[in-house]
């Protein structure tokens, strides 16, 4: 019987990455989808965990957002070359531009369509992307990167694909302006819902988190039978610790 349990939910990029990370190191685990398990939330409450992914064993746990902590918890070494902040910042801006471009192509009539096998709609996904960056900027300004940032739903004023794309474009410009003013004096650490983290680690996580959802937006266009006229530049993904899968195979694309 597996020694570890992973609590996760569909649509969670960090959940998918945490499970792939464990499998890549030959770590067996019980997979618990908190959306389907009647007892999962009580189990998480007893552990003292408030967000997923959670990797647990014998009453102890770590949050799966920090793969270094996951590696330590399960006793493996995760050595890789990490991209430097200036490279990540340039990648993030380019990925956001791509996200806005893909978003604009989604027909307005399809925006309320749920992602296959999931509750998140195409509009939810498009709006989620800039909120990832809003979370980074709030933390860099001395606030906290919260789980609530990632749960934000599009406000009523966001009615069209153009509206959603505009939000992404605005956050892109905000990030670029912040970077231009702060690149030479980046914060050492920022506060997040999974603990105090180095800014470089959070910037990396923000970049690959956005990249994963840009891959999903591209796939949405394919599902709609209108593949992107200018596909995602795969060079933007090189060196990022992305999940292998675009969506979690445990939740079939129905």
C-alpha atoms as a PDB file:
ATOM      1  CA  UNK A   1       0.000   0.000   0.000  1.00  0.00           C
ATOM      2  CA  UNK A   2       1.396   3.469  -0.876  1.00  0.00           C
ATOM      3  CA  UNK A   3       2.989   5.401   1.989  1.00  0.00           C
ATOM      4  CA  UNK A   4       1.931   8.778   0.620  1.00  0.00           C
ATOM      5  CA  UNK A   5      -1.403  10.390  -0.178  1.00  0.00           C
ATOM      6  CA  UNK A   6      -1.824  13.249  -2.630  1.00  0.00           C
ATOM      7  CA  UNK A   7      -4.946  15.383  -2.269  1.00  0.00           C
ATOM      8  CA  UNK A   8      -5.724  17.290  -5.467  1.00  0.00           C
ATOM      9  CA  UNK A   9      -8.500  18.742  -7.593  1.00  0.00           C
ATOM     10  CA  UNK A  10      -9.114  18.951 -11.346  1.00  0.00           C
ATOM     11  CA  UNK A  11      -7.821  22.050 -13.086  1.00  0.00           C
ATOM     12  CA  UNK A  12      -5.077  22.618 -10.508  1.00  0.00           C
ATOM     13  CA  UNK A  13      -1.764  23.014 -12.316  1.00  0.00           C
ATOM     14  CA  UNK A  14       0.300  22.520  -9.163  1.00  0.00           C
ATOM     15  CA  UNK A  15      -1.641  19.335  -8.399  1.00  0.00           C
ATOM     16  CA  UNK A  16      -0.815  17.882 -11.788  1.00  0.00           C
ATOM     17  CA  UNK A  17       2.855  18.841 -11.472  1.00  0.00           C
ATOM     18  CA  UNK A  18       3.143  17.404  -7.951  1.00  0.00           C
ATOM     19  CA  UNK A  19       1.726  14.050  -9.053  1.00  0.00           C
ATOM     20  CA  UNK A  20       3.962  13.919 -12.112  1.00  0.00           C
ATOM     21  CA  UNK A  21       6.960  14.806  -9.930  1.00  0.00           C
ATOM     22  CA  UNK A  22       6.292  11.919  -7.573  1.00  0.00           C
ATOM     23  CA  UNK A  23       5.749   9.464 -10.410  1.00  0.00           C
ATOM     24  CA  UNK A  24       8.969  10.593 -12.104  1.00  0.00           C
ATOM     25  CA  UNK A  25      10.861   9.620  -8.949  1.00  0.00           C
ATOM     26  CA  UNK A  26       9.087   6.285  -8.585  1.00  0.00           C
ATOM     27  CA  UNK A  27       7.147   7.399  -5.508  1.00  0.00           C
ATOM     28  CA  UNK A  28       3.854   5.521  -5.173  1.00  0.00           C
ATOM     29  CA  UNK A  29       0.914   7.383  -3.693  1.00  0.00           C
ATOM     30  CA  UNK A  30      -2.815   7.221  -3.163  1.00  0.00           C
ATOM     31  CA  UNK A  31      -4.496   9.786  -5.385  1.00  0.00           C
ATOM     32  CA  UNK A  32      -7.458  11.559  -3.762  1.00  0.00           C
ATOM     33  CA  UNK A  33      -9.559  13.909  -5.865  1.00  0.00           C
ATOM     34  CA  UNK A  34     -11.099  16.187  -3.240  1.00  0.00           C
ATOM     35  CA  UNK A  35     -14.007  16.958  -5.575  1.00  0.00           C
ATOM     36  CA  UNK A  36     -15.029  13.303  -5.632  1.00  0.00           C
ATOM     37  CA  UNK A  37     -14.049  11.996  -2.184  1.00  0.00           C
ATOM     38  CA  UNK A  38     -16.682  12.343   0.551  1.00  0.00           C
ATOM     39  CA  UNK A  39     -14.028  12.294   3.295  1.00  0.00           C
ATOM     40  CA  UNK A  40     -11.165  14.262   1.744  1.00  0.00           C
ATOM     41  CA  UNK A  41     -12.019  17.673   3.185  1.00  0.00           C
ATOM     42  CA  UNK A  42     -12.343  16.245   6.708  1.00  0.00           C
ATOM     43  CA  UNK A  43      -8.992  14.514   6.260  1.00  0.00           C
ATOM     44  CA  UNK A  44      -7.370  17.760   5.128  1.00  0.00           C
ATOM     45  CA  UNK A  45      -8.931  19.608   8.048  1.00  0.00           C
ATOM     46  CA  UNK A  46      -7.454  17.113  10.499  1.00  0.00           C
ATOM     47  CA  UNK A  47      -4.060  17.607   8.900  1.00  0.00           C
ATOM     48  CA  UNK A  48      -4.418  21.374   9.156  1.00  0.00           C
ATOM     49  CA  UNK A  49      -4.233  21.905   5.398  1.00  0.00           C
ATOM     50  CA  UNK A  50      -6.375  24.545   3.714  1.00  0.00           C
ATOM     51  CA  UNK A  51      -5.371  24.209   0.078  1.00  0.00           C
ATOM     52  CA  UNK A  52      -4.337  21.585  -2.447  1.00  0.00           C
ATOM     53  CA  UNK A  53      -2.150  19.960  -3.588  1.00  0.00           C
ATOM     54  CA  UNK A  54      -1.177  18.269  -0.350  1.00  0.00           C
ATOM     55  CA  UNK A  55       1.327  15.438  -0.071  1.00  0.00           C
ATOM     56  CA  UNK A  56       0.729  13.615   3.218  1.00  0.00           C
ATOM     57  CA  UNK A  57       2.189  10.732   5.180  1.00  0.00           C
ATOM     58  CA  UNK A  58       1.608   9.559   8.768  1.00  0.00           C
ATOM     59  CA  UNK A  59      -0.196  12.742   9.797  1.00  0.00           C
ATOM     60  CA  UNK A  60       2.453  15.054   8.322  1.00  0.00           C
ATOM     61  CA  UNK A  61       2.125  16.985   5.073  1.00  0.00           C
ATOM     62  CA  UNK A  62       3.604  19.549   2.738  1.00  0.00           C
ATOM     63  CA  UNK A  63       1.875  21.741   0.194  1.00  0.00           C
ATOM     64  CA  UNK A  64       2.717  20.676  -3.331  1.00  0.00           C
ATOM     65  CA  UNK A  65       3.247  24.202  -4.680  1.00  0.00           C
ATOM     66  CA  UNK A  66       6.859  24.058  -3.452  1.00  0.00           C
ATOM     67  CA  UNK A  67       8.488  21.112  -5.237  1.00  0.00           C
ATOM     68  CA  UNK A  68      11.684  21.560  -3.235  1.00  0.00           C
ATOM     69  CA  UNK A  69       9.648  20.901  -0.094  1.00  0.00           C
ATOM     70  CA  UNK A  70       7.971  17.927  -1.740  1.00  0.00           C
ATOM     71  CA  UNK A  71      11.383  16.516  -2.690  1.00  0.00           C
ATOM     72  CA  UNK A  72      12.618  16.928   0.881  1.00  0.00           C
ATOM     73  CA  UNK A  73       9.437  15.382   2.290  1.00  0.00           C
ATOM     74  CA  UNK A  74       9.682  12.241   0.163  1.00  0.00           C
ATOM     75  CA  UNK A  75      13.469  12.018   0.372  1.00  0.00           C
ATOM     76  CA  UNK A  76      14.557  12.620  -3.211  1.00  0.00           C
ATOM     77  CA  UNK A  77      16.919  15.072  -4.866  1.00  0.00           C
ATOM     78  CA  UNK A  78      15.591  17.403  -7.537  1.00  0.00           C
ATOM     79  CA  UNK A  79      18.505  18.954  -9.376  1.00  0.00           C
ATOM     80  CA  UNK A  80      17.886  21.097 -12.431  1.00  0.00           C
ATOM     81  CA  UNK A  81      19.134  24.262 -14.059  1.00  0.00           C
ATOM     82  CA  UNK A  82      16.871  27.153 -13.109  1.00  0.00           C
ATOM     83  CA  UNK A  83      16.247  30.073 -15.423  1.00  0.00           C
ATOM     84  CA  UNK A  84      17.388  33.438 -14.126  1.00  0.00           C
ATOM     85  CA  UNK A  85      14.816  36.157 -13.240  1.00  0.00           C
ATOM     86  CA  UNK A  86      15.479  38.354 -16.310  1.00  0.00           C
ATOM     87  CA  UNK A  87      14.855  35.367 -18.589  1.00  0.00           C
ATOM     88  CA  UNK A  88      11.721  34.432 -16.662  1.00  0.00           C
ATOM     89  CA  UNK A  89      10.414  38.002 -16.831  1.00  0.00           C
ATOM     90  CA  UNK A  90      10.845  38.131 -20.603  1.00  0.00           C
ATOM     91  CA  UNK A  91       9.189  34.720 -20.974  1.00  0.00           C
ATOM     92  CA  UNK A  92       6.293  35.776 -18.764  1.00  0.00           C
ATOM     93  CA  UNK A  93       5.583  38.883 -20.837  1.00  0.00           C
ATOM     94  CA  UNK A  94       5.657  36.873 -24.064  1.00  0.00           C
ATOM     95  CA  UNK A  95       3.427  34.164 -22.632  1.00  0.00           C
ATOM     96  CA  UNK A  96       0.906  36.750 -21.466  1.00  0.00           C
ATOM     97  CA  UNK A  97       0.838  38.319 -24.926  1.00  0.00           C
ATOM     98  CA  UNK A  98       0.136  34.858 -26.336  1.00  0.00           C
ATOM     99  CA  UNK A  99      -2.615  34.259 -23.767  1.00  0.00           C
ATOM    100  CA  UNK A 100      -4.329  37.512 -24.743  1.00  0.00           C
ATOM    101  CA  UNK A 101      -4.084  36.606 -28.438  1.00  0.00           C
ATOM    102  CA  UNK A 102      -5.572  33.151 -27.874  1.00  0.00           C
ATOM    103  CA  UNK A 103      -8.310  34.561 -25.647  1.00  0.00           C
ATOM    104  CA  UNK A 104      -9.468  37.026 -28.299  1.00  0.00           C
ATOM    105  CA  UNK A 105     -10.082  34.143 -30.708  1.00  0.00           C
ATOM    106  CA  UNK A 106     -12.549  32.321 -28.442  1.00  0.00           C
ATOM    107  CA  UNK A 107     -16.075  32.964 -29.771  1.00  0.00           C
ATOM    108  CA  UNK A 108     -18.146  34.916 -27.265  1.00  0.00           C
ATOM    109  CA  UNK A 109     -20.908  32.341 -27.574  1.00  0.00           C
ATOM    110  CA  UNK A 110     -18.516  29.675 -26.245  1.00  0.00           C
ATOM    111  CA  UNK A 111     -17.140  31.570 -23.244  1.00  0.00           C
ATOM    112  CA  UNK A 112     -19.536  29.954 -20.754  1.00  0.00           C
ATOM    113  CA  UNK A 113     -18.719  26.465 -22.012  1.00  0.00           C
ATOM    114  CA  UNK A 114     -17.165  24.301 -19.308  1.00  0.00           C
ATOM    115  CA  UNK A 115     -13.773  22.797 -19.931  1.00  0.00           C
ATOM    116  CA  UNK A 116     -14.200  19.096 -20.753  1.00  0.00           C
ATOM    117  CA  UNK A 117     -14.788  17.129 -17.566  1.00  0.00           C
ATOM    118  CA  UNK A 118     -14.271  20.216 -15.399  1.00  0.00           C
ATOM    119  CA  UNK A 119     -16.233  23.056 -13.802  1.00  0.00           C
ATOM    120  CA  UNK A 120     -14.031  25.908 -15.018  1.00  0.00           C
ATOM    121  CA  UNK A 121     -15.353  27.629 -18.145  1.00  0.00           C
ATOM    122  CA  UNK A 122     -13.328  28.976 -21.045  1.00  0.00           C
ATOM    123  CA  UNK A 123     -13.910  32.457 -19.629  1.00  0.00           C
ATOM    124  CA  UNK A 124     -12.795  31.352 -16.156  1.00  0.00           C
ATOM    125  CA  UNK A 125      -9.577  29.985 -17.643  1.00  0.00           C
ATOM    126  CA  UNK A 126      -8.885  33.139 -19.643  1.00  0.00           C
ATOM    127  CA  UNK A 127      -9.457  35.349 -16.577  1.00  0.00           C
ATOM    128  CA  UNK A 128      -7.396  33.080 -14.328  1.00  0.00           C
ATOM    129  CA  UNK A 129      -4.221  33.749 -16.307  1.00  0.00           C
ATOM    130  CA  UNK A 130      -3.866  37.469 -15.436  1.00  0.00           C
ATOM    131  CA  UNK A 131      -4.892  36.768 -11.835  1.00  0.00           C
ATOM    132  CA  UNK A 132      -1.754  34.639 -11.501  1.00  0.00           C
ATOM    133  CA  UNK A 133       0.265  37.736 -12.322  1.00  0.00           C
ATOM    134  CA  UNK A 134      -1.859  39.943 -10.059  1.00  0.00           C
ATOM    135  CA  UNK A 135      -0.953  37.593  -7.217  1.00  0.00           C
ATOM    136  CA  UNK A 136       2.767  37.970  -7.955  1.00  0.00           C
ATOM    137  CA  UNK A 137       2.550  41.756  -8.098  1.00  0.00           C
ATOM    138  CA  UNK A 138       0.576  41.954  -4.854  1.00  0.00           C
ATOM    139  CA  UNK A 139       3.195  39.829  -3.090  1.00  0.00           C
ATOM    140  CA  UNK A 140       6.072  41.843  -4.563  1.00  0.00           C
ATOM    141  CA  UNK A 141       4.436  45.027  -3.270  1.00  0.00           C
ATOM    142  CA  UNK A 142       4.559  43.685   0.278  1.00  0.00           C
ATOM    143  CA  UNK A 143       1.214  41.912   0.375  1.00  0.00           C
ATOM    144  CA  UNK A 144       0.570  38.212   0.151  1.00  0.00           C
ATOM    145  CA  UNK A 145       0.080  35.808  -2.738  1.00  0.00           C
ATOM    146  CA  UNK A 146      -3.124  34.153  -1.614  1.00  0.00           C
ATOM    147  CA  UNK A 147      -5.087  31.114  -2.723  1.00  0.00           C
ATOM    148  CA  UNK A 148      -8.005  33.500  -3.202  1.00  0.00           C
ATOM    149  CA  UNK A 149      -6.158  35.137  -6.109  1.00  0.00           C
ATOM    150  CA  UNK A 150      -6.409  31.874  -8.013  1.00  0.00           C
ATOM    151  CA  UNK A 151     -10.090  31.382  -7.199  1.00  0.00           C
ATOM    152  CA  UNK A 152     -11.229  34.753  -8.521  1.00  0.00           C
ATOM    153  CA  UNK A 153     -14.076  34.635 -11.008  1.00  0.00           C
ATOM    154  CA  UNK A 154     -14.566  37.111 -13.847  1.00  0.00           C
ATOM    155  CA  UNK A 155     -16.664  40.070 -12.694  1.00  0.00           C
ATOM    156  CA  UNK A 156     -19.926  40.789 -14.456  1.00  0.00           C
ATOM    157  CA  UNK A 157     -18.332  43.505 -16.605  1.00  0.00           C
ATOM    158  CA  UNK A 158     -16.186  40.848 -18.327  1.00  0.00           C
ATOM    159  CA  UNK A 159     -18.676  39.701 -20.958  1.00  0.00           C
ATOM    160  CA  UNK A 160     -16.673  39.117 -24.136  1.00  0.00           C
ATOM    161  CA  UNK A 161     -13.431  37.506 -25.160  1.00  0.00           C
ATOM    162  CA  UNK A 162     -12.143  40.984 -25.904  1.00  0.00           C
ATOM    163  CA  UNK A 163     -12.961  42.068 -22.351  1.00  0.00           C
ATOM    164  CA  UNK A 164     -11.039  39.120 -20.924  1.00  0.00           C
ATOM    165  CA  UNK A 165      -8.084  39.660 -23.252  1.00  0.00           C
ATOM    166  CA  UNK A 166      -7.941  43.310 -22.220  1.00  0.00           C
ATOM    167  CA  UNK A 167      -7.523  42.299 -18.565  1.00  0.00           C
ATOM    168  CA  UNK A 168      -4.570  40.116 -19.556  1.00  0.00           C
ATOM    169  CA  UNK A 169      -3.057  42.931 -21.616  1.00  0.00           C
ATOM    170  CA  UNK A 170      -3.431  45.359 -18.718  1.00  0.00           C
ATOM    171  CA  UNK A 171      -1.743  42.965 -16.283  1.00  0.00           C
ATOM    172  CA  UNK A 172       1.039  42.416 -18.815  1.00  0.00           C
ATOM    173  CA  UNK A 173       1.737  46.128 -18.961  1.00  0.00           C
ATOM    174  CA  UNK A 174       1.563  46.380 -15.145  1.00  0.00           C
ATOM    175  CA  UNK A 175       4.103  43.589 -14.810  1.00  0.00           C
ATOM    176  CA  UNK A 176       6.423  45.104 -17.421  1.00  0.00           C
ATOM    177  CA  UNK A 177       6.260  48.504 -15.716  1.00  0.00           C
ATOM    178  CA  UNK A 178       6.948  46.931 -12.326  1.00  0.00           C
ATOM    179  CA  UNK A 179       9.870  44.973 -13.741  1.00  0.00           C
ATOM    180  CA  UNK A 180      11.390  48.069 -15.406  1.00  0.00           C
ATOM    181  CA  UNK A 181      11.308  49.863 -12.053  1.00  0.00           C
ATOM    182  CA  UNK A 182      12.457  46.987  -9.835  1.00  0.00           C
ATOM    183  CA  UNK A 183      14.654  44.640 -11.890  1.00  0.00           C
ATOM    184  CA  UNK A 184      17.840  45.931 -10.262  1.00  0.00           C
ATOM    185  CA  UNK A 185      16.501  45.600  -6.727  1.00  0.00           C
ATOM    186  CA  UNK A 186      14.197  42.604  -6.645  1.00  0.00           C
ATOM    187  CA  UNK A 187      12.768  41.522  -3.296  1.00  0.00           C
ATOM    188  CA  UNK A 188      14.597  38.609  -1.741  1.00  0.00           C
ATOM    189  CA  UNK A 189      11.455  36.918  -0.434  1.00  0.00           C
ATOM    190  CA  UNK A 190       7.691  37.291  -0.681  1.00  0.00           C
ATOM    191  CA  UNK A 191       4.810  36.054   1.417  1.00  0.00           C
ATOM    192  CA  UNK A 192       2.554  33.350  -0.028  1.00  0.00           C
ATOM    193  CA  UNK A 193      -0.219  31.096   1.252  1.00  0.00           C
ATOM    194  CA  UNK A 194       2.277  28.230   1.195  1.00  0.00           C
ATOM    195  CA  UNK A 195       4.878  30.113   3.245  1.00  0.00           C
ATOM    196  CA  UNK A 196       7.583  32.715   2.730  1.00  0.00           C
ATOM    197  CA  UNK A 197       9.316  31.963  -0.569  1.00  0.00           C
ATOM    198  CA  UNK A 198      12.216  33.409  -2.506  1.00  0.00           C
ATOM    199  CA  UNK A 199      11.046  35.887  -5.122  1.00  0.00           C
ATOM    200  CA  UNK A 200      12.975  34.005  -7.798  1.00  0.00           C
ATOM    201  CA  UNK A 201      11.094  30.787  -6.980  1.00  0.00           C
ATOM    202  CA  UNK A 202       7.717  32.544  -7.087  1.00  0.00           C
ATOM    203  CA  UNK A 203       8.587  34.242 -10.375  1.00  0.00           C
ATOM    204  CA  UNK A 204       9.511  30.847 -11.817  1.00  0.00           C
ATOM    205  CA  UNK A 205       6.300  29.302 -10.532  1.00  0.00           C
ATOM    206  CA  UNK A 206       4.257  32.221 -11.903  1.00  0.00           C
ATOM    207  CA  UNK A 207       5.869  31.827 -15.309  1.00  0.00           C
ATOM    208  CA  UNK A 208       5.299  28.094 -15.648  1.00  0.00           C
ATOM    209  CA  UNK A 209       1.807  28.396 -14.143  1.00  0.00           C
ATOM    210  CA  UNK A 210       0.904  30.916 -16.844  1.00  0.00           C
ATOM    211  CA  UNK A 211       2.630  28.777 -19.487  1.00  0.00           C
ATOM    212  CA  UNK A 212       0.566  25.735 -18.551  1.00  0.00           C
ATOM    213  CA  UNK A 213      -2.680  27.654 -18.936  1.00  0.00           C
ATOM    214  CA  UNK A 214      -1.554  29.144 -22.236  1.00  0.00           C
ATOM    215  CA  UNK A 215      -1.105  25.547 -23.431  1.00  0.00           C
ATOM    216  CA  UNK A 216      -4.677  24.908 -22.300  1.00  0.00           C
ATOM    217  CA  UNK A 217      -6.018  27.986 -24.103  1.00  0.00           C
ATOM    218  CA  UNK A 218      -4.371  26.736 -27.269  1.00  0.00           C
ATOM    219  CA  UNK A 219      -6.010  23.364 -26.725  1.00  0.00           C
ATOM    220  CA  UNK A 220      -9.395  25.085 -26.233  1.00  0.00           C
ATOM    221  CA  UNK A 221      -9.068  26.625 -29.679  1.00  0.00           C
ATOM    222  CA  UNK A 222      -8.305  23.174 -31.064  1.00  0.00           C
ATOM    223  CA  UNK A 223     -11.389  21.743 -29.325  1.00  0.00           C
ATOM    224  CA  UNK A 224     -13.431  24.501 -30.973  1.00  0.00           C
ATOM    225  CA  UNK A 225     -12.059  23.501 -34.365  1.00  0.00           C
ATOM    226  CA  UNK A 226     -10.171  26.761 -34.802  1.00  0.00           C
ATOM    227  CA  UNK A 227      -6.501  26.093 -34.030  1.00  0.00           C
ATOM    228  CA  UNK A 228      -4.307  29.103 -33.347  1.00  0.00           C
ATOM    229  CA  UNK A 229      -3.118  30.862 -36.508  1.00  0.00           C
ATOM    230  CA  UNK A 230       0.200  31.490 -34.744  1.00  0.00           C
ATOM    231  CA  UNK A 231       0.835  28.554 -32.370  1.00  0.00           C
ATOM    232  CA  UNK A 232       2.497  28.894 -29.004  1.00  0.00           C
ATOM    233  CA  UNK A 233       6.246  29.321 -29.444  1.00  0.00           C
ATOM    234  CA  UNK A 234       7.604  26.204 -27.750  1.00  0.00           C
ATOM    235  CA  UNK A 235      10.912  28.003 -27.133  1.00  0.00           C
ATOM    236  CA  UNK A 236       9.056  29.938 -24.430  1.00  0.00           C
ATOM    237  CA  UNK A 237       8.560  26.664 -22.524  1.00  0.00           C
ATOM    238  CA  UNK A 238      12.172  25.465 -22.570  1.00  0.00           C
ATOM    239  CA  UNK A 239      13.694  25.182 -19.110  1.00  0.00           C
ATOM    240  CA  UNK A 240      10.399  25.654 -17.271  1.00  0.00           C
ATOM    241  CA  UNK A 241       9.340  22.875 -14.849  1.00  0.00           C
ATOM    242  CA  UNK A 242       6.037  22.338 -16.645  1.00  0.00           C
ATOM    243  CA  UNK A 243       3.830  19.280 -16.268  1.00  0.00           C
ATOM    244  CA  UNK A 244       4.124  16.892 -19.179  1.00  0.00           C
ATOM    245  CA  UNK A 245       0.352  16.712 -19.661  1.00  0.00           C
ATOM    246  CA  UNK A 246      -1.755  19.701 -20.657  1.00  0.00           C
ATOM    247  CA  UNK A 247      -4.649  18.408 -18.536  1.00  0.00           C
ATOM    248  CA  UNK A 248      -4.805  15.800 -15.793  1.00  0.00           C
ATOM    249  CA  UNK A 249      -5.325  12.351 -17.300  1.00  0.00           C
ATOM    250  CA  UNK A 250      -7.235  11.284 -14.164  1.00  0.00           C
ATOM    251  CA  UNK A 251     -10.091  13.513 -15.362  1.00  0.00           C
ATOM    252  CA  UNK A 252     -10.782  12.425 -18.954  1.00  0.00           C
ATOM    253  CA  UNK A 253     -11.512  15.064 -21.562  1.00  0.00           C
ATOM    254  CA  UNK A 254     -15.124  14.105 -22.158  1.00  0.00           C
END
